[in-house]
Amino acid sequence: MPLNKAQRAVADSDARFRVLVGGRRLGKTFLAIRELARFARHPNKKVWYVAPTYSQAKNIVWEDLQSKMIKLGWADKINQNELSISLVNGSKISLKGSDRYDTLRGVGVDFLVMDEYADMKREAWDVLRPTLSAQTPPGSALFCGTPKGFNHFKDLYDYGQTDDKDWDSFQFTSLEGGQIPEQEIERAKADMDKRQFEQEYLASWVMVSGKIYYNFDRNKHVAKQEFDKDAPIHIGIDFNIDPISGSICQIINGKLHQFDEISIYGSNTEELAQEIMNRYDKTKVICYPDPAGHQRKTSANGRTDITILQQYFKVEAKRKHDAVRDRINAVNSLMESADGTIRFSIDPNCMNSIRCLERQVYKSGTAIPDKDGGFDHQNDALGYLVAHIAPITKPVRAIPKPKRFTHM
């Protein structure tokens, strides 16, 4: 069977790590089997196919994989209990489940397919990557799946959109696979809700329900801007220890542009200050920290986080916190006001900040931001800055527009 457009694009890529994001019935499984065979044709290679669970691995590819190896005359020994096929050239293809990823440590692998990757835990790849062979050529991996919100599958797709030559990523709809008639796609569109259809058939990254920064949109806000070395540098700071975070911005043509980010684990305010000075002219820096820094003492002689910052930079800190809702509303308003005005952008290299803006949600059934996902600290850093320079004013008789920037 010839490869379709999507399969051919992925097969022709020479990147070490390839990411295929596709709609249902795109032909991802056929491509996975083909790539397993392509890498196993070399002698004495260990090749793994990993699905979210062991039973899924068996159900998805086992019968087709056996048939393919037997038809090619490559199969030497088939182990039905271990779901493995030893080949006549000394190579071995094995099927695994990622649900018990700790059991996969320590084995050297030359090629790896991670299928339905959006349904796996992020830690599975953290465990499996060190197993890839370091020999020349180094071991490689293919990730396949359909999106499920902005999770760790989106992270890998984003790597493939950067200039990193190790990574390449692809996105195709079900229709582009050529295996589903257009009329069936139209029937599915009529039967499914919009969000489900876009995710399952259009392979779209669909907004997470309850998203806090609902106005953030990569297509509208992610952009390059030239750094102005003579202009003030505005830095919002969250003092959390793991990580301590900074959102680094300038005001360009009346808009706030975030061009850098700082996220340091197991750190403190002194180290954050040193990192800022390593990157920028401290005379240009204005810090907007978490007001809790007035009380939080992080040095042996009783200095607070804010007095430490004041040793090095100009600091503008409120005496008390704004309401969390007001701070969130200020950021959303900056991203897009009710009249459609956009006054925020962010550099594409700020990948952690982008990820946090897309993924932080409210706790189910509440208006309380969820802090368990780890997406809050970078967002809080940006929020402290925005709440200071572009706050939402309280309504009296009418609802006023947000204040404009107070620092230009």
Foldseek 3Di string as FASTA:
>chain_A
DDAFPQLVVQVPAPAQEEEEAEFPPLCPLVSVLVVQCVVQVAAQAEEEEEEQAQVVQCVRPLVVNVVVCVVVVFFDDADPVQSKTQGPRNYIYGYHHLPPLVVVADAAHQEYEYEQVQSHDPVSCVRCVVNWAPDVVTHGYYYYHFDDALDVSVVLQLVQVDPPRNYHYDYAFSVSSVPDDPVVLVVVPVVDDPQVSCRRGVSDRGFDPQQLLVLDDCVQFADDDDDDQPAAWEWFWEFDQQWTKIFIWTQDPQAIEGEDMDTHHRDGLLVVLVVVVVPHDQARYEYQYALCQVPDADDPVRHGSVVSNVVGHHYDYDNHDDPPSQLSVLSSCCCANPVGDHRYHYYSVHVLLSSLSRDWGADPPDPHTDPVVVSVRHVNSVSSRSCVQWTQDDDDPDRDRIDGGPGD
